[in-house]
Amino acid sequence: MTDTFAFLVITFIIVLGFEAVNGWTDAPNAIATVVSTRVLAPAAAVAMAAFFNLVGALSGTAVATTIGKEIIDLDVVPLEVLAAGALSVVIWSTFAWYFGLPTSESHGLVAGLAGAAVAVAGTDVLVMGGWVKVFAGVGLAVTVGFVGALVVMNLLLWTIRKLSPSAVRRIFSPLQVGSAAFMAWAHGTADGQKSIGVLAAAIAIYEGKGTEGFAVPLWIILLAATTMAVSTALGGWRIIRTLGMRLTHLEPVHGFAAEATAASTLGVASHFGLGIPLSTTHTIGSAIMGVGASKRLSAVRWGIGYNIVGAWILTFPICFILGWLIALIVHQAA
């Protein structure tokens, strides 16, 4: 049943559902600060994010390759593993989105795929090389995001120490538009490629070619990027409010520092042959905390920060269990 063209279509629908969730829960991270500082109106920010997410998704396939064929062994898993893994993220992230919590679709997806694959084929199906990249990405996102933004912010504060607040805002408002565009591009080249990798993997499994048959055609990139852009416009405001307004007070200079740091981290990790699947949520969330802490530690609303981090931590086990259960049910029914 699950090796039919009909189930391939079902898998595509579920994975695109994951990309839609990514759009309304993860893509808003790229524009949260530029909206909260009132440098751009929400509609303009969403349009810019949609465009640069598409450009980012078209700029390489290293992360798509990591997710598509370096997390689980495509030679031994059926299609229901991919469908179950993506569906687990849809369920968990929609729940978290309702409460305005920015979960990591990146780590939810790898956890859901792992749980589903283990349920069907055992632990040997996990590809250790890809998992090294995943866990390296967790450390890089949080550490470089927070510390990097803290250092950048302090350097900027020292540089502009003699300027008036109005002059600082006048200088950094247009700069923040550029950093927000950079951040949207980085999201496209990092998180935007995750569903692209799963869709390409689905085709390779359906055609019976496995890992050797993995390839990323242009139409898949365009399909996934368009889905994410539309869903960002429809549902991103809750996450924008949490990251851009509730976590700490931001001015354009803070938004510029956070976005520039996070986007640079994501861009480097996604390119230069690395293909490390960093979480945009982890990276920009940590960077926003870092710029907030540059003023004083109490400037960050740590209670909200703890809730965000708690959602990050819960994502791995919850999506793993959901993926495991869904795959097991479908596999036994098939």
Protein backbone atom coordinates (compact mmCIF):
# COMPACT_ATOMS: atom_id res chain seq x y z
CA MET A 1 0.00 0.00 0.00
CA THR A 2 2.73 2.48 0.94
CA ASP A 3 4.79 1.78 -2.17
CA THR A 4 2.10 3.13 -4.50
CA PHE A 5 1.99 6.42 -6.36
CA ALA A 6 -1.05 7.39 -4.28
CA PHE A 7 0.98 7.09 -1.08
CA LEU A 8 3.78 9.12 -2.67
CA VAL A 9 1.23 11.87 -3.23
CA ILE A 10 0.06 11.55 0.40
CA THR A 11 3.68 11.79 1.55
CA PHE A 12 4.18 14.92 -0.55
CA ILE A 13 1.06 16.50 0.96
CA ILE A 14 2.23 15.75 4.50
CA VAL A 15 5.75 17.08 3.83
CA LEU A 16 4.30 20.24 2.29
CA GLY A 17 2.14 20.48 5.40
CA PHE A 18 5.38 20.40 7.38
CA GLU A 19 6.73 23.19 5.15
CA ALA A 20 3.58 25.21 5.78
CA VAL A 21 4.09 24.81 9.53
CA ASN A 22 7.71 25.82 8.98
CA GLY A 23 6.41 28.94 7.27
CA TRP A 24 4.14 30.11 10.04
CA THR A 25 6.31 29.02 12.98
CA ASP A 26 9.93 29.23 11.78
CA ALA A 27 10.21 31.65 8.85
CA PRO A 28 8.85 34.54 11.00
CA ASN A 29 12.09 34.30 12.98
CA ALA A 30 13.77 35.99 10.02
CA ILE A 31 11.60 39.10 10.23
CA ALA A 32 10.60 39.22 13.90
CA THR A 33 13.10 41.91 14.88
CA VAL A 34 12.61 44.18 11.86
CA VAL A 35 8.84 44.23 12.52
CA SER A 36 9.14 44.69 16.28
CA THR A 37 11.48 47.67 15.85
CA ARG A 38 8.95 49.15 13.40
CA VAL A 39 11.55 49.52 10.68
CA LEU A 40 9.26 47.62 8.30
CA ALA A 41 5.52 47.11 8.30
CA PRO A 42 4.48 43.44 8.68
CA ALA A 43 3.21 43.17 5.08
CA ALA A 44 6.45 44.56 3.63
CA ALA A 45 8.54 42.35 5.90
CA VAL A 46 6.59 39.24 4.92
CA ALA A 47 6.97 40.05 1.21
CA MET A 48 10.70 40.55 1.65
CA ALA A 49 11.02 37.35 3.68
CA ALA A 50 9.15 35.35 1.05
CA PHE A 51 11.41 36.59 -1.75
CA PHE A 52 14.72 36.06 0.06
CA ASN A 53 13.63 32.70 1.44
CA LEU A 54 13.12 31.62 -2.16
CA VAL A 55 16.53 32.99 -3.16
CA GLY A 56 18.11 31.17 -0.22
CA ALA A 57 16.43 27.89 -1.09
CA LEU A 58 17.83 28.19 -4.61
CA SER A 59 21.38 28.94 -3.47
CA GLY A 60 22.51 25.40 -2.73
CA THR A 61 21.42 21.92 -1.67
CA ALA A 62 23.97 20.97 1.00
CA VAL A 63 21.46 21.00 3.86
CA ALA A 64 18.81 19.25 1.73
CA THR A 65 21.35 16.50 1.04
CA THR A 66 22.17 16.12 4.74
CA ILE A 67 18.50 15.79 5.69
CA GLY A 68 17.55 13.71 2.66
CA LYS A 69 20.18 11.00 2.76
CA GLU A 70 22.48 11.42 5.78
CA ILE A 71 19.99 11.05 8.66
CA ILE A 72 18.40 7.69 7.82
CA ASP A 73 19.37 4.99 5.31
CA LEU A 74 17.11 5.41 2.28
CA ASP A 75 18.01 1.93 1.06
CA VAL A 76 16.05 0.20 3.84
CA VAL A 77 13.17 2.51 4.83
CA PRO A 78 9.73 2.70 3.17
CA LEU A 79 7.81 5.88 2.32
CA GLU A 80 5.74 5.81 5.50
CA VAL A 81 8.87 6.69 7.48
CA LEU A 82 9.13 10.06 5.72
CA ALA A 83 5.40 10.72 6.03
CA ALA A 84 5.39 9.82 9.74
CA GLY A 85 8.47 11.92 10.47
CA ALA A 86 7.00 15.02 8.82
CA LEU A 87 3.57 14.49 10.40
CA SER A 88 5.09 14.33 13.88
CA VAL A 89 6.46 17.86 13.40
CA VAL A 90 3.14 19.15 12.06
CA ILE A 91 1.38 17.93 15.21
CA TRP A 92 3.96 19.17 17.73
CA SER A 93 4.76 22.50 16.08
CA THR A 94 1.10 23.39 15.59
CA PHE A 95 0.54 22.77 19.30
CA ALA A 96 3.53 24.95 20.24
CA TRP A 97 2.56 27.63 17.70
CA TYR A 98 -0.83 27.97 19.39
CA PHE A 99 1.01 29.13 22.51
CA GLY A 100 3.41 31.35 20.53
CA LEU A 101 6.46 29.16 21.16
CA PRO A 102 9.05 29.08 18.35
CA THR A 103 9.90 25.38 18.07
CA SER A 104 12.70 24.10 15.86
CA GLU A 105 11.29 22.38 12.79
CA SER A 106 14.85 21.32 11.91
CA HIS A 107 15.32 19.21 14.99
CA GLY A 108 11.69 18.15 15.07
CA LEU A 109 12.10 16.75 11.56
CA VAL A 110 15.31 14.80 12.23
CA ALA A 111 13.85 13.47 15.48
CA GLY A 112 10.59 12.47 13.80
CA LEU A 113 12.43 10.77 10.94
CA ALA A 114 14.65 8.94 13.42
CA GLY A 115 11.71 7.72 15.51
CA ALA A 116 9.81 6.57 12.43
CA ALA A 117 12.86 4.83 10.96
CA VAL A 118 13.70 3.04 14.22
CA ALA A 119 10.08 1.84 14.54
CA VAL A 120 10.24 0.22 11.11
CA ALA A 121 13.87 -0.84 10.66
CA GLY A 122 15.68 -0.62 14.02
CA THR A 123 18.53 1.61 15.19
CA ASP A 124 20.96 0.44 12.50
CA VAL A 125 19.04 2.58 10.00
CA LEU A 126 20.43 5.79 11.52
CA VAL A 127 23.38 7.31 9.62
CA MET A 128 25.88 8.50 12.22
CA GLY A 129 27.65 11.01 9.98
CA GLY A 130 24.50 13.06 9.60
CA TRP A 131 23.75 12.91 13.31
CA VAL A 132 27.18 14.32 14.11
CA LYS A 133 26.21 17.33 11.99
CA VAL A 134 22.86 17.62 13.78
CA PHE A 135 24.33 17.73 17.27
CA ALA A 136 27.19 19.96 16.18
CA GLY A 137 24.50 22.28 14.85
CA VAL A 138 22.74 22.44 18.22
CA GLY A 139 25.92 23.59 19.93
CA LEU A 140 26.82 26.07 17.19
CA ALA A 141 23.36 27.63 17.03
CA VAL A 142 23.06 28.30 20.76
CA THR A 143 26.69 29.16 21.55
CA VAL A 144 27.62 31.18 18.49
CA GLY A 145 24.19 32.79 18.37
CA PHE A 146 24.29 34.05 21.97
CA VAL A 147 28.00 34.79 22.39
CA GLY A 148 28.44 36.13 18.86
CA ALA A 149 25.52 38.54 19.19
CA LEU A 150 26.71 39.64 22.64
CA VAL A 151 30.19 40.44 21.28
CA VAL A 152 28.87 42.14 18.13
CA MET A 153 26.42 44.21 20.15
CA ASN A 154 29.07 45.37 22.60
CA LEU A 155 31.38 46.35 19.72
CA LEU A 156 28.58 48.32 18.10
CA LEU A 157 27.69 50.04 21.38
CA TRP A 158 31.31 51.10 21.80
CA THR A 159 31.44 52.37 18.21
CA ILE A 160 28.27 54.47 18.51
CA ARG A 161 28.77 55.55 22.12
CA LYS A 162 28.99 59.27 21.19
CA LEU A 163 25.96 59.32 18.92
CA SER A 164 22.49 60.43 19.99
CA PRO A 165 19.68 57.82 20.09
CA SER A 166 17.97 59.49 17.11
CA ALA A 167 21.19 59.34 15.07
CA VAL A 168 21.66 55.67 15.95
CA ARG A 169 18.14 54.85 14.84
CA ARG A 170 18.56 56.85 11.64
CA ILE A 171 21.74 54.92 10.78
CA PHE A 172 20.62 51.43 11.74
CA SER A 173 17.04 51.45 10.46
CA PRO A 174 18.10 50.97 6.80
CA LEU A 175 20.91 48.66 7.89
CA GLN A 176 18.38 46.48 9.66
CA VAL A 177 16.37 46.12 6.47
CA GLY A 178 19.50 44.67 4.91
CA SER A 179 20.20 42.38 7.86
CA ALA A 180 16.58 41.15 7.84
CA ALA A 181 16.89 40.31 4.13
CA PHE A 182 20.16 38.51 4.93
CA MET A 183 18.38 36.62 7.69
CA ALA A 184 15.53 35.60 5.38
CA TRP A 185 18.06 34.36 2.81
CA ALA A 186 19.85 32.39 5.53
CA HIS A 187 16.57 30.81 6.62
CA GLY A 188 15.90 29.74 3.04
CA THR A 189 19.33 28.21 2.62
CA ALA A 190 19.14 26.45 5.99
CA ASP A 191 15.62 25.60 7.18
CA GLY A 192 13.98 26.06 3.80
CA GLN A 193 15.95 23.11 2.46
CA LYS A 194 14.79 20.56 5.02
CA SER A 195 11.51 19.69 3.35
CA ILE A 196 13.26 19.82 -0.02
CA GLY A 197 15.54 17.03 1.17
CA VAL A 198 12.61 14.91 2.38
CA LEU A 199 10.67 15.37 -0.86
CA ALA A 200 13.72 14.35 -2.89
CA ALA A 201 14.19 11.34 -0.60
CA ALA A 202 10.56 10.34 -1.14
CA ILE A 203 11.08 10.23 -4.89
CA ALA A 204 14.28 8.19 -4.50
CA ILE A 205 12.49 5.64 -2.29
CA TYR A 206 9.43 5.44 -4.55
CA GLU A 207 11.60 4.83 -7.60
CA GLY A 208 13.52 2.14 -5.72
CA LYS A 209 16.85 3.90 -6.18
CA GLY A 210 17.56 4.62 -2.50
CA THR A 211 20.55 6.71 -1.50
CA GLU A 212 22.25 6.45 -4.89
CA GLY A 213 19.17 7.86 -6.62
CA PHE A 214 18.89 10.93 -4.37
CA ALA A 215 18.73 14.15 -6.39
CA VAL A 216 17.14 17.58 -5.89
CA PRO A 217 15.26 18.83 -8.98
CA LEU A 218 14.40 22.52 -9.38
CA TRP A 219 10.64 21.96 -9.27
CA ILE A 220 10.85 20.53 -5.75
CA ILE A 221 12.80 23.58 -4.57
CA LEU A 222 10.23 25.94 -6.06
CA LEU A 223 7.28 23.94 -4.69
CA ALA A 224 8.63 23.88 -1.13
CA ALA A 225 9.82 27.50 -1.11
CA THR A 226 6.47 28.78 -2.44
CA THR A 227 4.56 26.79 0.18
CA MET A 228 6.70 28.27 2.95
CA ALA A 229 6.31 31.82 1.63
CA VAL A 230 2.51 31.62 1.50
CA SER A 231 2.22 30.10 4.97
CA THR A 232 4.53 32.77 6.44
CA ALA A 233 2.11 35.44 5.29
CA LEU A 234 -0.86 33.59 6.78
CA GLY A 235 0.27 32.69 10.27
CA GLY A 236 3.58 34.18 11.37
CA TRP A 237 2.44 36.90 13.74
CA ARG A 238 2.39 34.85 16.97
CA ILE A 239 6.07 33.99 16.67
CA ILE A 240 7.01 37.52 15.62
CA ARG A 241 5.37 38.76 18.80
CA THR A 242 7.16 36.26 21.05
CA LEU A 243 10.66 36.73 19.64
CA GLY A 244 10.51 40.35 18.62
CA MET A 245 8.42 41.94 21.35
CA ARG A 246 8.15 39.75 24.44
CA LEU A 247 11.66 38.35 24.84
CA THR A 248 13.46 41.69 25.19
CA HIS A 249 13.09 45.30 24.07
CA LEU A 250 14.77 45.85 20.72
CA GLU A 251 15.91 48.91 18.80
CA PRO A 252 17.18 48.80 15.20
CA VAL A 253 20.80 48.50 16.32
CA HIS A 254 19.91 45.44 18.41
CA GLY A 255 17.92 43.89 15.59
CA PHE A 256 20.80 44.48 13.19
CA ALA A 257 23.29 42.80 15.53
CA ALA A 258 21.06 39.80 16.18
CA GLU A 259 20.15 39.26 12.53
CA ALA A 260 23.65 39.79 11.18
CA THR A 261 25.11 37.33 13.70
CA ALA A 262 22.43 34.68 13.23
CA ALA A 263 22.39 34.94 9.43
CA SER A 264 26.19 34.72 9.21
CA THR A 265 26.18 31.62 11.42
CA LEU A 266 23.45 29.96 9.34
CA GLY A 267 25.06 30.89 6.04
CA VAL A 268 28.48 29.50 6.94
CA ALA A 269 27.03 26.28 8.33
CA SER A 270 24.89 25.71 5.24
CA HIS A 271 27.64 26.28 2.69
CA PHE A 272 31.36 25.60 2.18
CA GLY A 273 30.59 21.90 1.89
CA LEU A 274 29.43 21.71 5.52
CA GLY A 275 25.68 21.14 5.13
CA ILE A 276 25.15 21.45 8.91
CA PRO A 277 21.38 21.64 9.57
CA LEU A 278 21.32 24.51 12.05
CA SER A 279 18.01 25.59 13.51
CA THR A 280 17.02 29.14 12.57
CA THR A 281 14.88 29.26 15.70
CA HIS A 282 17.76 28.32 17.98
CA THR A 283 20.19 30.66 16.25
CA ILE A 284 18.11 33.85 16.09
CA GLY A 285 16.49 33.18 19.47
CA SER A 286 19.92 32.85 21.10
CA ALA A 287 21.15 35.94 19.25
CA ILE A 288 18.20 38.03 20.48
CA MET A 289 18.95 36.92 24.05
CA GLY A 290 22.59 37.82 23.46
CA VAL A 291 21.86 41.39 22.34
CA GLY A 292 19.41 41.79 25.21
CA ALA A 293 22.04 40.63 27.70
CA SER A 294 24.48 43.21 26.33
CA LYS A 295 22.44 45.90 28.07
CA ARG A 296 22.11 43.95 31.31
CA LEU A 297 21.04 40.42 32.13
CA SER A 298 17.73 41.62 33.52
CA ALA A 299 16.88 43.19 30.15
CA VAL A 300 16.03 39.72 28.90
CA ARG A 301 12.72 38.29 30.07
CA TRP A 302 14.29 35.03 31.11
CA GLY A 303 10.96 33.44 32.02
CA ILE A 304 9.91 33.67 28.39
CA GLY A 305 13.41 32.57 27.37
CA TYR A 306 13.13 29.49 29.59
CA ASN A 307 9.79 28.62 27.98
CA ILE A 308 11.37 28.90 24.53
CA VAL A 309 14.35 26.76 25.52
CA GLY A 310 11.98 24.26 27.15
CA ALA A 311 10.11 23.94 23.85
CA TRP A 312 13.43 23.40 22.07
CA ILE A 313 14.42 20.61 24.47
CA LEU A 314 11.02 18.89 24.31
CA THR A 315 11.04 18.89 20.52
CA PHE A 316 13.51 16.00 20.20
CA PRO A 317 11.79 13.41 22.42
CA ILE A 318 8.23 14.39 21.51
CA CYS A 319 8.80 14.27 17.74
CA PHE A 320 10.80 11.06 18.07
CA ILE A 321 7.95 9.37 19.97
CA LEU A 322 5.27 10.73 17.63
CA GLY A 323 7.23 9.62 14.56
CA TRP A 324 7.77 6.19 16.10
CA LEU A 325 4.07 5.72 16.93
CA ILE A 326 2.75 6.97 13.59
CA ALA A 327 5.19 4.89 11.55
CA LEU A 328 4.51 1.77 13.61
CA ILE A 329 0.73 2.11 13.17
CA VAL A 330 0.97 2.74 9.42
CA HIS A 331 3.58 0.04 8.87
CA GLN A 332 1.54 -2.59 10.68
CA ALA A 333 -1.62 -1.56 8.87
CA ALA A 334 0.15 -1.82 5.52
